[in-house]
Each structure stands twice: as structure tokens, then as C-alpha cells.
Protein backbone atom coordinates (compact mmCIF):
# COMPACT_ATOMS: atom_id res chain seq x y z
CA MET A 1 -106.66 72.18 -13.72
CA LYS A 2 -103.43 71.70 -14.04
CA LYS A 3 -102.29 70.34 -17.67
CA GLN A 4 -100.28 67.98 -18.53
CA ILE A 5 -97.71 67.31 -21.16
CA ILE A 6 -98.52 64.66 -24.09
CA GLN A 7 -96.78 60.96 -22.89
CA ALA A 8 -94.98 61.02 -26.57
CA ILE A 9 -92.70 64.16 -25.66
CA LYS A 10 -92.38 63.15 -22.23
CA GLU A 11 -90.79 59.83 -23.54
CA ARG A 12 -88.72 61.03 -26.37
CA TYR A 13 -85.46 60.54 -26.09
CA SER A 14 -82.05 59.71 -28.13
CA PRO A 15 -81.19 55.91 -27.70
CA LEU A 16 -77.78 54.70 -28.42
CA ILE A 17 -78.77 51.53 -29.09
CA PHE A 18 -81.69 50.16 -31.25
CA ASP A 19 -83.51 46.72 -30.80
CA ASN A 20 -83.54 44.56 -34.40
CA LYS A 21 -86.81 45.29 -35.21
CA GLU A 22 -87.66 46.72 -38.34
CA ILE A 23 -89.62 49.81 -39.32
CA LEU A 24 -92.03 48.73 -41.55
CA GLU A 25 -92.45 50.77 -44.92
CA GLU A 26 -96.41 51.65 -43.79
CA ILE A 27 -94.82 52.91 -40.06
CA MET A 28 -92.05 55.52 -42.13
CA THR A 29 -95.04 56.69 -44.41
CA VAL A 30 -97.00 57.80 -41.18
CA LEU A 31 -93.64 59.24 -39.67
CA LEU A 32 -92.77 61.16 -42.70
CA GLU A 33 -96.40 62.49 -43.55
CA SER A 34 -96.50 63.70 -39.73
CA GLY A 35 -93.31 65.85 -40.68
CA THR A 36 -95.40 67.29 -43.70
CA LEU A 37 -97.98 68.49 -41.60
CA ALA A 38 -95.30 70.71 -39.25
CA ALA A 39 -95.95 74.40 -39.92
CA SER A 40 -93.40 76.18 -42.23
CA SER A 41 -92.74 80.14 -43.39
CA TYR A 42 -95.16 80.72 -46.42
CA ASN A 43 -96.09 77.25 -46.63
CA ASN A 44 -92.52 76.79 -48.32
CA GLN A 45 -92.47 72.96 -47.15
CA PRO A 46 -89.10 73.54 -47.42
CA TRP A 47 -87.85 69.94 -45.87
CA ARG A 48 -86.84 66.53 -47.49
CA PHE A 49 -85.85 63.43 -46.03
CA ILE A 50 -83.15 60.74 -47.83
CA TRP A 51 -84.16 57.40 -46.04
CA ALA A 52 -82.59 53.88 -45.87
CA ALA A 53 -83.41 50.47 -43.87
CA LYS A 54 -80.82 48.46 -42.44
CA GLY A 55 -79.52 45.92 -45.16
CA THR A 56 -79.62 47.99 -48.38
CA GLU A 57 -76.88 49.83 -50.10
CA GLY A 58 -78.82 53.21 -49.50
CA TYR A 59 -78.48 52.14 -45.83
CA GLU A 60 -74.54 51.46 -46.15
CA LYS A 61 -74.13 55.11 -48.15
CA LEU A 62 -75.73 56.74 -45.61
CA TYR A 63 -73.85 54.90 -42.27
CA SER A 64 -70.34 55.74 -44.42
CA PHE A 65 -71.50 59.53 -43.50
CA LEU A 66 -71.10 59.24 -40.45
CA SER A 67 -68.11 60.50 -38.11
CA GLU A 68 -66.45 57.32 -36.66
CA TYR A 69 -68.19 57.92 -33.16
CA ASN A 70 -71.72 57.99 -34.58
CA GLN A 71 -70.71 54.63 -36.19
CA GLU A 72 -69.80 52.71 -33.07
CA TRP A 73 -73.52 53.23 -31.87
CA THR A 74 -75.89 53.63 -35.16
CA SER A 75 -75.30 50.16 -36.57
CA THR A 76 -78.26 48.78 -34.56
CA ALA A 77 -80.33 51.30 -36.18
CA PRO A 78 -82.88 49.82 -38.20
CA VAL A 79 -83.16 53.21 -40.47
CA LEU A 80 -80.90 55.92 -41.07
CA MET A 81 -81.78 59.44 -42.68
CA ILE A 82 -80.83 62.72 -43.78
CA ALA A 83 -82.84 65.60 -43.14
CA ILE A 84 -82.31 68.72 -45.25
CA ALA A 85 -83.54 71.95 -45.73
CA GLU A 86 -83.72 74.02 -48.88
CA VAL A 87 -82.36 77.18 -48.17
CA VAL A 88 -82.40 78.22 -52.14
CA ASN A 89 -85.54 78.24 -53.53
CA GLU A 90 -86.14 77.30 -57.64
CA LYS A 91 -86.27 81.17 -58.02
CA GLY A 92 -82.89 81.92 -56.55
CA LYS A 93 -84.23 83.32 -53.10
CA GLY A 94 -82.93 82.37 -49.86
CA ASN A 95 -85.29 81.15 -47.21
CA TYR A 96 -84.09 82.36 -44.27
CA HIS A 97 -86.43 79.89 -42.06
CA ALA A 98 -85.41 76.80 -43.33
CA LEU A 99 -83.87 75.56 -40.84
CA TYR A 100 -85.97 76.18 -37.94
CA ASP A 101 -89.44 74.47 -40.98
CA LEU A 102 -87.25 71.89 -41.05
CA GLY A 103 -86.72 71.77 -37.35
CA GLN A 104 -90.36 71.41 -36.76
CA ALA A 105 -91.15 68.53 -39.61
CA VAL A 106 -88.32 66.84 -37.75
CA SER A 107 -90.00 67.41 -34.11
CA SER A 108 -93.55 66.40 -35.35
CA MET A 109 -91.72 63.13 -36.92
CA ALA A 110 -90.15 62.39 -33.76
CA VAL A 111 -93.08 62.96 -31.64
CA GLN A 112 -95.24 60.71 -33.65
CA ALA A 113 -92.60 58.36 -33.69
CA SER A 114 -92.07 58.71 -29.74
CA SER A 115 -96.25 57.92 -30.07
CA MET A 116 -95.16 54.29 -30.84
CA GLY A 117 -92.76 53.33 -29.52
CA ILE A 118 -90.12 54.26 -31.79
CA GLN A 119 -86.96 56.84 -30.94
CA PHE A 120 -84.77 59.42 -32.71
CA HIS A 121 -81.52 60.16 -32.37
CA GLN A 122 -80.35 62.93 -34.42
CA MET A 123 -77.01 63.95 -35.00
CA GLY A 124 -74.66 66.75 -36.61
CA GLY A 125 -71.59 64.30 -36.24
CA PHE A 126 -71.39 63.25 -40.08
CA ASP A 127 -69.58 64.45 -43.19
CA SER A 128 -72.48 67.01 -45.25
CA ALA A 129 -70.08 67.74 -48.51
CA LYS A 130 -69.06 63.97 -48.64
CA ALA A 131 -72.80 63.46 -48.29
CA THR A 132 -73.79 66.50 -50.85
CA GLU A 133 -71.56 64.77 -53.47
CA GLU A 134 -72.52 61.21 -53.54
CA LEU A 135 -75.82 61.83 -53.38
CA LYS A 136 -75.76 64.85 -55.62
CA VAL A 137 -77.98 67.14 -54.10
CA SER A 138 -78.30 70.47 -55.27
CA SER A 139 -76.66 73.65 -53.71
CA ASN A 140 -80.17 74.86 -53.07
CA PHE A 141 -80.52 72.72 -50.54
CA ALA A 142 -78.15 72.27 -47.31
CA LEU A 143 -77.84 68.54 -44.95
CA VAL A 144 -78.67 69.28 -41.65
CA SER A 145 -78.79 66.85 -39.60
CA MET A 146 -79.03 63.03 -39.54
CA ILE A 147 -81.19 60.88 -37.75
CA ALA A 148 -80.78 57.03 -36.36
CA MET A 149 -84.41 55.53 -35.63
CA GLY A 150 -86.02 52.10 -34.52
CA TYR A 151 -87.19 50.84 -31.14
CA PRO A 152 -85.18 51.24 -28.44
CA GLY A 153 -82.73 48.17 -27.50
CA ASP A 154 -81.48 47.16 -24.09
CA LYS A 155 -79.13 49.71 -22.81
CA ASN A 156 -77.08 46.89 -20.68
CA LEU A 157 -75.71 45.82 -23.64
CA LEU A 158 -73.53 48.89 -24.61
CA ASN A 159 -69.96 48.97 -24.28
CA GLU A 160 -68.55 50.82 -20.77
CA HIS A 161 -68.49 54.23 -22.47
CA PHE A 162 -72.07 54.07 -23.98
CA TYR A 163 -73.42 52.28 -21.16
CA LYS A 164 -72.41 55.12 -19.19
CA ARG A 165 -73.77 57.66 -21.28
CA ALA A 166 -77.25 56.12 -21.82
CA HIS A 167 -77.50 55.89 -17.87
CA GLU A 168 -76.98 59.49 -17.37
CA PRO A 169 -79.93 61.16 -15.84
CA ARG A 170 -82.18 63.36 -18.67
CA VAL A 171 -81.84 66.77 -17.58
CA ARG A 172 -83.13 69.89 -19.05
CA LYS A 173 -82.64 74.07 -18.53
CA SER A 174 -85.24 75.09 -15.83
CA LEU A 175 -87.76 77.35 -17.53
CA LYS A 176 -86.34 80.32 -15.47
CA GLU A 177 -82.88 79.59 -17.61
CA ILE A 178 -85.13 79.74 -20.82
CA SER A 179 -87.75 81.93 -20.69
CA GLY A 180 -88.34 85.69 -19.53
CA GLY A 181 -89.94 88.76 -19.45
CA VAL A 182 -88.98 91.52 -22.04
CA ASP A 183 -86.29 92.32 -20.67
CA PHE A 184 -84.52 88.90 -19.87
CA PHE A 185 -81.15 89.50 -21.53
CA ARG A 186 -80.72 92.35 -19.67
């Protein structure tokens, strides 16, 4: 019997427009708790998340860290979040695996969200230095990505540039391109 990829993974994508439907706090709790269940090196759980709902001062602050390009389309997102990794622990020891572990936590949250009809759009286009300073984040932590999240909106309402991008086919590398035997890189 052929095994199937779970539907929440198949349906996960990065929308460029969101519906104005609010993400309730109890749903945010479920999403964050799903992240806490991710595996981490030595169970360090180095992930931290700062999030805010649209219409709050926190949201405006997070929005201000985004690049102009990302600000163009994220304004419809009901929640913005910064994903943070503790790269140096309280004893001063570096955590080489912190970014990997954070990625696993965010992936768990994204799949959980997808199963609930919510999508994440993760971004590297933000001013990490400004966010670190304004949010008073310790130098033991690295601000890795920002995430816009919400229920997907109507792609037909996007401007021409984002409309075209939103309607492009979802292309993934083949298994042959990403996986092979021990001589894969030879």
C-alpha cells in the first residue's frame, strides 16, 4: 500500500493576501503549543516567538521592522510574528543547532496551522538589528525570520505584481535533485 503525504503538508503554502478573519487567542495557543512539541538538540527548546494581532501597537511595531516590499502585501495579515533562536545559552555556550531546532518548531506550527485552514508566510526581509534593539532582545538570541499568518484571502484582489506571483505554479525540486546515496556530491 502506497503511503500518502498528510493533507496539511500538501496544502501548506505562503499566501500573499489574507482574509480579514481574526485568529483567536485560543487558536494562537494551539499553534504555539504545536511548536513546543518539536524535537530539539538536548531538548534545549531554543525557540522564542514574539507575536501581535492586527490593530495593536505590537503589530504596528512588528510591521515597522519589515522591508518595504514585505510591507506591501503583509498589511492584510491578522497576525505577525518574529521567530527567534537562543544561539548562546545562559552559561555562555553556543548552540550550533538552535536555528535548525527553531525551523522544526516553526514547521510544526505551520503544518498545524495548515490543518486548521491558516497559512504562514515566512520572510527574511526585515530589519533584524532594528527589531533586536527596539524589542530589547539579548545578544544570546538571533532574530531569524518574520511570519505573516492568517486565513488565505482572495488572490484576485492583489495588485498586478503580486497577482502574477500568487498564481505561479508551485514548483519543487525533484527527489533526485535533493536525495541520493553516499556518493551524492561526487
